[in-house]
Amino acid sequence: MNQIAFVLLERPVSWAEAAFGFAGLTLVLLVLALLSSWRGSRRRELEAALAAERAREMDDKVAEMNRQQAELMGRMQTMAEILSTRQGDLARIMAERMDGLRQQVGAGLEQNVRQTNESLGKLQERLAVIDNAQKNLTELTGEVVTLKDVLANKQARGAYGQGRMEAIIRDGLPAAFFSFQPTLSSGKRPDCLVTLPGDGRGLVIDAKFPLESFTMLREARGDEARKQASARVRADVGQHVKDIAERYFLPGETQDMALLFVPSEAIYADLHEHFDDVIQKAHRARVMIVSPSLLALAIQLMQSLVRDARMREEARVIQSEVGKLLDDVRRLGDRVDKLDNHFRQAQDDVAQIKTSAGKVTGRAEKIGALEFDDARPNEPQLPFAKAVKLKAAE
């Protein structure tokens, strides 16, 4: 038994020691096994307890979840009911709004249809107006062509200028202050003679402006042709101005100024823009070149002079009538004074009559206040007058 079994760490170990060692080791292992088994059982118990606790907690959680699920189902059911109610309300509101919208859309469509019909009616009316305007434009085009043909003729062009001048003068002045184609003492016959109030001399207006040279100037092509046409304009207008100054300036019979009427504003503008020397020559010759607008302005000025002259005449008539009215007022004042004297005399007479009546009334009252006693038997009766005096003396 004391034999060496093995060497451990340079120490010999016998079989007995080895046996005791193995026995101890086995006991230790057994204790460890028992301890491990106890720990395992303890762990299993703990795990079982934990598992039971977890199961209980799980059951509680499941129950809580079931409760929450039930509450959720109740809430969902309530929400479903609410949603159903809201859906019904929403459907009703949508139906009402759809009906309102349908009515509005219908009314809007009806209004749009009515407005469209009105617009179409107005459009048709405007189209009819446009058709009439087109017809009028066509007629006007024909009239313009006719007017062009008329102006191409010298006599017709002169009649056209004479007509425009006569229309302007007739519209602005009374017939007593103008005359067309009068005969002067020299035998000449101007187109118009205007007589202003307060002056016996007449103002000559000539309407025979030379338009042929201006027509040539407008139709001229090239510098040379325009130069020749411009020279003819200066020559024709200058000669016509000279003829007016020589024919119609008669001392004591006509004014020392005359008017040359141009029947076109465009020609008048061209004349002032390109032929200023002709205008200055006419001014020096005391001949004023006027367009239709300037002639109308001059006629308005003459109309003002005529109106002022008439106002002065009417003022004299009014002054005369006012003088007569003042005489009548003076006579009326004299008669009122006489009537006042009569009234004053009558008042004095009435006052005197009232005084006399007062005196008579006073005396009558005094007489009425007298007392008459019966006469004594043995006394002689006195006359009435002596009795009154005695009573008065008492």
Protein backbone atom coordinates (compact mmCIF):
# COMPACT_ATOMS: atom_id res chain seq x y z
CA MET A 1 0.00 0.00 0.00
CA ASN A 2 3.01 2.20 0.60
CA GLN A 3 4.21 1.60 -2.86
CA ILE A 4 4.70 4.62 -4.92
CA ALA A 5 2.02 4.90 -7.49
CA PHE A 6 3.25 8.02 -9.35
CA VAL A 7 5.24 11.16 -8.88
CA LEU A 8 3.41 14.46 -8.71
CA LEU A 9 5.46 17.60 -8.78
CA GLU A 10 8.63 15.74 -7.90
CA ARG A 11 6.86 14.18 -4.96
CA PRO A 12 6.17 10.51 -4.89
CA VAL A 13 2.59 9.53 -4.22
CA SER A 14 1.69 6.17 -2.76
CA TRP A 15 -1.32 4.06 -3.63
CA ALA A 16 -2.96 4.86 -0.31
CA GLU A 17 -2.52 8.53 -0.77
CA ALA A 18 -3.73 8.19 -4.29
CA ALA A 19 -6.76 6.24 -3.06
CA PHE A 20 -7.48 8.78 -0.35
CA GLY A 21 -6.96 11.48 -2.95
CA PHE A 22 -9.30 9.81 -5.37
CA ALA A 23 -11.82 9.24 -2.63
CA GLY A 24 -11.63 12.86 -1.60
CA LEU A 25 -11.78 13.95 -5.16
CA THR A 26 -14.77 11.71 -5.73
CA LEU A 27 -16.42 13.13 -2.61
CA VAL A 28 -15.69 16.61 -3.77
CA LEU A 29 -17.01 15.78 -7.18
CA LEU A 30 -20.07 14.23 -5.60
CA VAL A 31 -20.58 17.30 -3.45
CA LEU A 32 -20.09 19.44 -6.48
CA ALA A 33 -22.52 17.27 -8.38
CA LEU A 34 -25.02 17.50 -5.55
CA LEU A 35 -24.44 21.19 -5.30
CA SER A 36 -24.75 21.52 -9.05
CA SER A 37 -27.90 19.41 -9.00
CA TRP A 38 -29.30 21.53 -6.19
CA ARG A 39 -28.37 24.65 -8.01
CA GLY A 40 -29.91 23.23 -11.18
CA SER A 41 -33.09 22.35 -9.36
CA ARG A 42 -33.01 25.75 -7.68
CA ARG A 43 -32.45 27.37 -11.05
CA ARG A 44 -35.24 25.30 -12.54
CA GLU A 45 -37.48 26.28 -9.68
CA LEU A 46 -36.53 29.90 -10.15
CA GLU A 47 -36.99 29.52 -13.87
CA ALA A 48 -40.31 27.81 -13.27
CA ALA A 49 -41.29 30.59 -10.89
CA LEU A 50 -40.09 33.15 -13.35
CA ALA A 51 -41.91 31.28 -16.09
CA ALA A 52 -45.02 31.18 -13.94
CA GLU A 53 -44.61 34.83 -13.12
CA ARG A 54 -44.05 35.55 -16.76
CA ALA A 55 -47.06 33.41 -17.65
CA ARG A 56 -49.11 35.31 -15.05
CA GLU A 57 -47.82 38.59 -16.35
CA MET A 58 -48.52 37.35 -19.87
CA ASP A 59 -52.01 36.38 -18.79
CA ASP A 60 -52.43 39.79 -17.20
CA LYS A 61 -51.11 41.41 -20.33
CA VAL A 62 -53.34 39.22 -22.48
CA ALA A 63 -56.28 40.08 -20.24
CA GLU A 64 -55.32 43.73 -20.38
CA MET A 65 -54.93 43.41 -24.13
CA ASN A 66 -58.30 41.69 -24.31
CA ARG A 67 -59.79 44.46 -22.19
CA GLN A 68 -58.11 47.12 -24.30
CA GLN A 69 -59.20 45.24 -27.39
CA ALA A 70 -62.74 45.19 -26.05
CA GLU A 71 -62.51 48.90 -25.25
CA LEU A 72 -60.99 49.45 -28.67
CA MET A 73 -63.80 47.44 -30.23
CA GLY A 74 -66.30 49.51 -28.27
CA ARG A 75 -64.59 52.70 -29.28
CA MET A 76 -64.37 51.47 -32.85
CA GLN A 77 -68.05 50.59 -32.74
CA THR A 78 -68.82 54.02 -31.27
CA MET A 79 -66.62 55.60 -33.88
CA ALA A 80 -68.32 53.50 -36.51
CA GLU A 81 -71.67 54.72 -35.27
CA ILE A 82 -70.39 58.28 -35.13
CA LEU A 83 -68.85 57.86 -38.58
CA SER A 84 -72.10 56.41 -39.82
CA THR A 85 -73.99 59.35 -38.35
CA ARG A 86 -71.40 61.78 -39.69
CA GLN A 87 -71.47 60.01 -43.02
CA GLY A 88 -75.25 60.40 -43.09
CA ASP A 89 -74.91 64.08 -42.15
CA LEU A 90 -72.13 64.46 -44.68
CA ALA A 91 -74.23 62.77 -47.31
CA ARG A 92 -77.17 65.01 -46.42
CA ILE A 93 -74.97 68.12 -46.44
CA MET A 94 -73.36 67.02 -49.69
CA ALA A 95 -76.79 66.37 -51.15
CA GLU A 96 -77.97 69.81 -50.02
CA ARG A 97 -74.84 71.46 -51.33
CA MET A 98 -75.10 69.51 -54.54
CA ASP A 99 -78.71 70.68 -54.87
CA GLY A 100 -77.66 74.26 -54.11
CA LEU A 101 -74.74 73.95 -56.48
CA ARG A 102 -77.00 72.43 -59.10
CA GLN A 103 -79.43 75.30 -58.67
CA GLN A 104 -76.61 77.84 -58.79
CA VAL A 105 -75.12 76.17 -61.82
CA GLY A 106 -78.55 76.07 -63.42
CA ALA A 107 -79.16 79.71 -62.59
CA GLY A 108 -75.66 80.59 -63.79
CA LEU A 109 -76.17 78.66 -67.00
CA GLU A 110 -79.55 80.29 -67.46
CA GLN A 111 -78.02 83.71 -66.84
CA ASN A 112 -75.13 82.90 -69.16
CA VAL A 113 -77.59 81.75 -71.80
CA ARG A 114 -79.60 84.95 -71.33
CA GLN A 115 -76.45 87.08 -71.44
CA THR A 116 -75.25 85.14 -74.45
CA ASN A 117 -78.58 85.72 -76.16
CA GLU A 118 -78.43 89.41 -75.26
CA SER A 119 -74.84 89.59 -76.50
CA LEU A 120 -75.84 87.84 -79.68
CA GLY A 121 -78.74 90.26 -80.05
CA LYS A 122 -76.44 93.22 -79.49
CA LEU A 123 -73.93 91.65 -81.86
CA GLN A 124 -76.63 91.30 -84.46
CA GLU A 125 -77.63 94.92 -83.89
CA ARG A 126 -74.00 96.01 -84.22
CA LEU A 127 -73.63 93.89 -87.31
CA ALA A 128 -76.72 95.58 -88.68
CA VAL A 129 -75.19 98.96 -87.77
CA ILE A 130 -71.94 97.86 -89.41
CA ASP A 131 -73.88 96.82 -92.51
CA ASN A 132 -75.60 100.20 -92.56
CA ALA A 133 -72.25 101.91 -92.00
CA GLN A 134 -70.78 99.88 -94.83
CA LYS A 135 -73.67 100.90 -97.04
CA ASN A 136 -73.19 104.51 -95.96
CA LEU A 137 -69.46 104.17 -96.60
CA THR A 138 -70.19 102.82 -100.05
CA GLU A 139 -72.56 105.70 -100.68
CA LEU A 140 -69.99 108.12 -99.24
CA THR A 141 -67.34 106.66 -101.52
CA GLY A 142 -69.62 107.28 -104.45
CA GLU A 143 -70.30 110.80 -103.20
CA VAL A 144 -66.55 111.42 -102.78
CA VAL A 145 -65.96 110.24 -106.34
CA THR A 146 -68.78 112.53 -107.43
CA LEU A 147 -67.25 115.37 -105.40
CA LYS A 148 -63.89 114.70 -107.07
CA ASP A 149 -65.58 114.91 -110.44
CA VAL A 150 -67.30 118.11 -109.38
CA LEU A 151 -64.05 119.66 -108.16
CA ALA A 152 -62.37 118.73 -111.42
CA ASN A 153 -64.61 121.27 -113.15
CA LYS A 154 -63.61 124.90 -112.61
CA GLN A 155 -67.15 126.27 -112.55
CA ALA A 156 -68.36 123.47 -110.25
CA ARG A 157 -65.38 124.05 -107.95
CA GLY A 158 -66.18 127.76 -107.79
CA ALA A 159 -69.81 126.96 -106.97
CA TYR A 160 -68.60 124.58 -104.23
CA GLY A 161 -66.44 127.30 -102.61
CA GLN A 162 -69.28 129.82 -102.97
CA GLY A 163 -71.70 127.36 -101.32
CA ARG A 164 -69.42 126.71 -98.33
CA MET A 165 -68.84 130.42 -97.84
CA GLU A 166 -72.57 131.19 -98.03
CA ALA A 167 -73.39 128.39 -95.56
CA ILE A 168 -70.90 129.76 -93.00
CA ILE A 169 -72.18 133.33 -93.34
CA ARG A 170 -75.86 132.35 -93.22
CA ASP A 171 -75.27 130.34 -90.06
CA GLY A 172 -73.52 133.21 -88.27
CA LEU A 173 -75.15 136.51 -89.32
CA PRO A 174 -78.70 137.83 -89.69
CA ALA A 175 -79.85 138.31 -93.27
CA ALA A 176 -79.96 142.10 -92.90
CA PHE A 177 -76.17 142.33 -92.52
CA PHE A 178 -74.95 140.49 -95.65
CA SER A 179 -75.76 140.15 -99.34
CA PHE A 180 -74.51 137.74 -102.02
CA GLN A 181 -73.45 138.88 -105.47
CA PRO A 182 -74.30 142.58 -104.89
CA THR A 183 -73.53 145.21 -107.49
CA LEU A 184 -71.12 147.95 -106.46
CA SER A 185 -71.06 151.48 -107.83
CA SER A 186 -68.18 150.44 -110.11
CA GLY A 187 -70.31 147.69 -111.61
CA LYS A 188 -68.28 144.89 -110.02
CA ARG A 189 -70.07 142.09 -108.22
CA PRO A 190 -68.20 140.50 -105.29
CA ASP A 191 -69.22 137.09 -103.97
CA CYS A 192 -70.37 138.52 -100.64
CA LEU A 193 -70.62 141.92 -98.97
CA VAL A 194 -70.97 142.07 -95.19
CA THR A 195 -72.22 145.33 -93.66
CA LEU A 196 -71.32 145.93 -90.03
CA PRO A 197 -73.51 148.08 -87.73
CA GLY A 198 -72.32 151.63 -87.23
CA ASP A 199 -70.36 151.63 -90.50
CA GLY A 200 -71.94 151.99 -93.91
CA ARG A 201 -68.95 150.46 -95.67
CA GLY A 202 -69.17 146.78 -96.57
CA LEU A 203 -66.56 144.05 -96.13
CA VAL A 204 -65.88 142.16 -99.37
CA ILE A 205 -65.46 138.36 -99.25
CA ASP A 206 -64.20 136.60 -102.38
CA ALA A 207 -64.62 132.80 -102.84
CA LYS A 208 -62.86 132.37 -106.21
CA PHE A 209 -59.56 131.03 -104.90
CA PRO A 210 -57.41 129.55 -107.73
CA LEU A 211 -57.26 125.81 -106.98
CA GLU A 212 -55.96 124.59 -110.36
CA SER A 213 -52.34 125.39 -109.51
CA PHE A 214 -52.60 123.53 -106.19
CA THR A 215 -54.05 120.54 -108.03
CA MET A 216 -51.07 120.61 -110.38
CA LEU A 217 -48.70 120.89 -107.39
CA ARG A 218 -50.20 117.80 -105.74
CA GLU A 219 -50.09 115.82 -108.96
CA ALA A 220 -46.53 116.92 -109.82
CA ARG A 221 -43.87 114.18 -110.00
CA GLY A 222 -40.26 115.22 -109.81
CA ASP A 223 -38.47 118.35 -108.63
CA GLU A 224 -38.83 120.23 -111.87
CA ALA A 225 -42.57 119.65 -112.10
CA ARG A 226 -43.04 120.70 -108.48
CA LYS A 227 -40.96 123.79 -109.07
CA GLN A 228 -43.09 124.79 -112.06
CA ALA A 229 -46.30 124.09 -110.13
CA SER A 230 -45.05 126.18 -107.17
CA ALA A 231 -44.25 129.06 -109.50
CA ARG A 232 -47.76 128.84 -110.97
CA VAL A 233 -49.28 128.85 -107.46
CA ARG A 234 -47.40 132.04 -106.62
CA ALA A 235 -48.40 133.65 -109.91
CA ASP A 236 -52.11 132.67 -109.74
CA VAL A 237 -52.61 133.59 -106.07
CA GLY A 238 -50.66 136.84 -106.48
CA GLN A 239 -52.70 137.84 -109.53
CA HIS A 240 -55.98 137.02 -107.78
CA VAL A 241 -54.98 139.10 -104.76
CA LYS A 242 -54.10 141.98 -107.07
CA ASP A 243 -57.47 141.69 -108.85
CA ILE A 244 -59.35 141.83 -105.53
CA ALA A 245 -57.43 144.94 -104.43
CA GLU A 246 -58.10 146.68 -107.74
CA ARG A 247 -61.78 145.74 -108.10
CA TYR A 248 -63.30 145.88 -104.65
CA PHE A 249 -61.51 148.66 -102.75
CA LEU A 250 -63.85 151.64 -103.20
CA PRO A 251 -63.37 154.57 -100.76
CA GLY A 252 -66.51 155.31 -98.77
CA GLU A 253 -68.30 152.22 -100.12
CA THR A 254 -66.19 149.22 -99.06
CA GLN A 255 -63.74 148.52 -96.29
CA ASP A 256 -60.01 148.96 -96.97
CA MET A 257 -59.58 145.23 -96.28
CA ALA A 258 -61.02 142.14 -98.02
CA LEU A 259 -61.20 138.40 -97.29
CA LEU A 260 -60.10 135.68 -99.75
CA PHE A 261 -61.88 132.44 -98.84
CA VAL A 262 -60.04 129.10 -99.26
CA PRO A 263 -62.57 126.22 -99.14
CA SER A 264 -60.02 123.69 -97.80
CA GLU A 265 -58.11 123.61 -94.53
CA ALA A 266 -55.39 121.45 -96.08
CA ILE A 267 -54.76 123.93 -98.90
CA TYR A 268 -54.69 126.78 -96.36
CA ALA A 269 -52.11 124.88 -94.28
CA ASP A 270 -49.97 124.15 -97.37
CA LEU A 271 -50.20 127.78 -98.38
CA HIS A 272 -48.95 128.98 -94.98
CA GLU A 273 -46.26 126.30 -94.78
CA HIS A 274 -44.74 126.52 -98.25
CA PHE A 275 -45.82 129.91 -99.64
CA ASP A 276 -45.21 132.42 -96.87
CA ASP A 277 -44.14 135.03 -99.43
CA VAL A 278 -47.61 134.84 -101.02
CA ILE A 279 -49.24 135.33 -97.61
CA GLN A 280 -47.05 138.36 -96.90
CA LYS A 281 -47.85 139.81 -100.32
CA ALA A 282 -51.57 139.40 -99.63
CA HIS A 283 -51.17 141.13 -96.23
CA ARG A 284 -49.43 144.06 -97.86
CA ALA A 285 -52.31 144.28 -100.33
CA ARG A 286 -54.77 144.25 -97.36
CA VAL A 287 -56.29 140.93 -98.49
CA MET A 288 -56.65 138.34 -95.73
CA ILE A 289 -56.61 134.69 -96.85
CA VAL A 290 -58.95 132.71 -94.59
CA SER A 291 -59.89 129.04 -94.27
CA PRO A 292 -63.41 127.83 -93.35
CA SER A 293 -62.55 127.80 -89.63
CA LEU A 294 -61.03 131.31 -89.75
CA LEU A 295 -64.02 132.62 -91.71
CA ALA A 296 -66.35 131.10 -89.10
CA LEU A 297 -64.28 132.80 -86.37
CA ALA A 298 -64.46 136.14 -88.19
CA ILE A 299 -68.23 135.72 -88.64
CA GLN A 300 -68.56 135.02 -84.90
CA LEU A 301 -66.67 138.24 -84.18
CA MET A 302 -68.99 140.12 -86.55
CA GLN A 303 -71.94 138.46 -84.85
CA SER A 304 -70.67 139.81 -81.52
CA LEU A 305 -70.48 143.30 -83.04
CA VAL A 306 -74.03 142.96 -84.36
CA ARG A 307 -75.22 141.74 -80.99
CA ASP A 308 -73.50 144.66 -79.23
CA ALA A 309 -75.09 147.14 -81.66
CA ARG A 310 -78.50 145.61 -81.09
CA MET A 311 -77.93 145.70 -77.33
CA ARG A 312 -77.03 149.38 -77.57
CA GLU A 313 -80.20 150.06 -79.57
CA GLU A 314 -82.27 148.09 -77.11
CA ALA A 315 -80.52 149.90 -74.26
CA ARG A 316 -81.58 153.25 -75.74
CA VAL A 317 -85.13 151.99 -76.09
CA ILE A 318 -85.04 150.74 -72.51
CA GLN A 319 -83.61 154.07 -71.35
CA SER A 320 -86.43 155.91 -73.10
CA GLU A 321 -89.04 153.63 -71.58
CA VAL A 322 -87.44 154.02 -68.15
CA GLY A 323 -87.66 157.82 -68.55
CA LYS A 324 -91.34 157.52 -69.38
CA LEU A 325 -91.77 155.20 -66.42
CA LEU A 326 -90.10 157.78 -64.14
CA ASP A 327 -92.52 160.46 -65.39
CA ASP A 328 -95.42 158.15 -64.62
CA VAL A 329 -93.97 157.51 -61.16
CA ARG A 330 -93.63 161.25 -60.53
CA ARG A 331 -97.26 161.83 -61.57
CA LEU A 332 -98.28 158.97 -59.33
CA GLY A 333 -96.38 160.58 -56.44
CA ASP A 334 -98.14 163.90 -57.00
CA ARG A 335 -101.51 162.20 -57.04
CA VAL A 336 -100.62 160.28 -53.88
CA ASP A 337 -99.64 163.54 -52.20
CA LYS A 338 -102.99 165.07 -53.20
CA LEU A 339 -104.81 162.00 -51.92
CA ASP A 340 -102.82 162.21 -48.70
CA ASN A 341 -103.87 165.86 -48.29
CA HIS A 342 -107.48 164.86 -48.82
CA PHE A 343 -107.13 162.10 -46.26
CA ARG A 344 -105.44 164.48 -43.80
CA GLN A 345 -108.23 167.05 -44.29
CA ALA A 346 -110.81 164.32 -43.82
CA GLN A 347 -109.04 163.25 -40.62
CA ASP A 348 -109.08 166.82 -39.35
CA ASP A 349 -112.80 167.09 -40.17
CA VAL A 350 -113.47 163.76 -38.44
CA ALA A 351 -111.48 164.96 -35.41
CA GLN A 352 -113.52 168.19 -35.27
CA ILE A 353 -116.74 166.21 -35.64
CA LYS A 354 -115.64 163.92 -32.81
CA THR A 355 -114.89 167.01 -30.68
CA SER A 356 -118.34 168.47 -31.37
CA ALA A 357 -119.93 165.11 -30.68
CA GLY A 358 -118.02 164.94 -27.41
CA LYS A 359 -119.23 168.35 -26.37
CA VAL A 360 -122.81 167.46 -27.26
CA THR A 361 -122.51 164.21 -25.35
CA GLY A 362 -121.08 166.03 -22.30
CA ARG A 363 -123.86 168.57 -22.30
CA ALA A 364 -126.47 165.87 -22.67
CA GLU A 365 -124.96 164.04 -19.72
CA LYS A 366 -125.08 167.21 -17.64
CA ILE A 367 -128.72 167.74 -18.56
CA GLY A 368 -129.43 164.14 -17.71
CA ALA A 369 -127.82 164.61 -14.31
CA LEU A 370 -130.19 167.49 -13.30
CA GLU A 371 -132.84 166.75 -10.60
CA PHE A 372 -136.24 168.43 -10.73
CA ASP A 373 -138.16 168.74 -7.31
CA ASP A 374 -141.94 169.15 -7.10
CA ALA A 375 -142.98 172.83 -6.68
CA ARG A 376 -144.13 174.02 -3.24
CA PRO A 377 -147.87 174.76 -2.88
CA ASN A 378 -147.56 178.37 -1.84
CA GLU A 379 -144.58 179.21 -4.13
CA PRO A 380 -145.15 180.45 -7.59
CA GLN A 381 -144.00 178.25 -10.40
CA LEU A 382 -140.77 179.47 -12.11
CA PRO A 383 -140.12 179.12 -15.73
CA PHE A 384 -138.13 176.11 -16.85
CA ALA A 385 -135.00 178.10 -17.68
CA LYS A 386 -134.96 179.89 -14.30
CA ALA A 387 -135.41 176.59 -12.49
CA VAL A 388 -132.45 175.13 -14.38
CA LYS A 389 -130.24 178.09 -13.44
CA LEU A 390 -131.23 177.88 -9.83
CA LYS A 391 -130.49 174.19 -9.75
CA ALA A 392 -127.18 174.80 -11.33
CA ALA A 393 -126.39 177.51 -8.79
CA GLU A 394 -127.23 175.18 -5.93
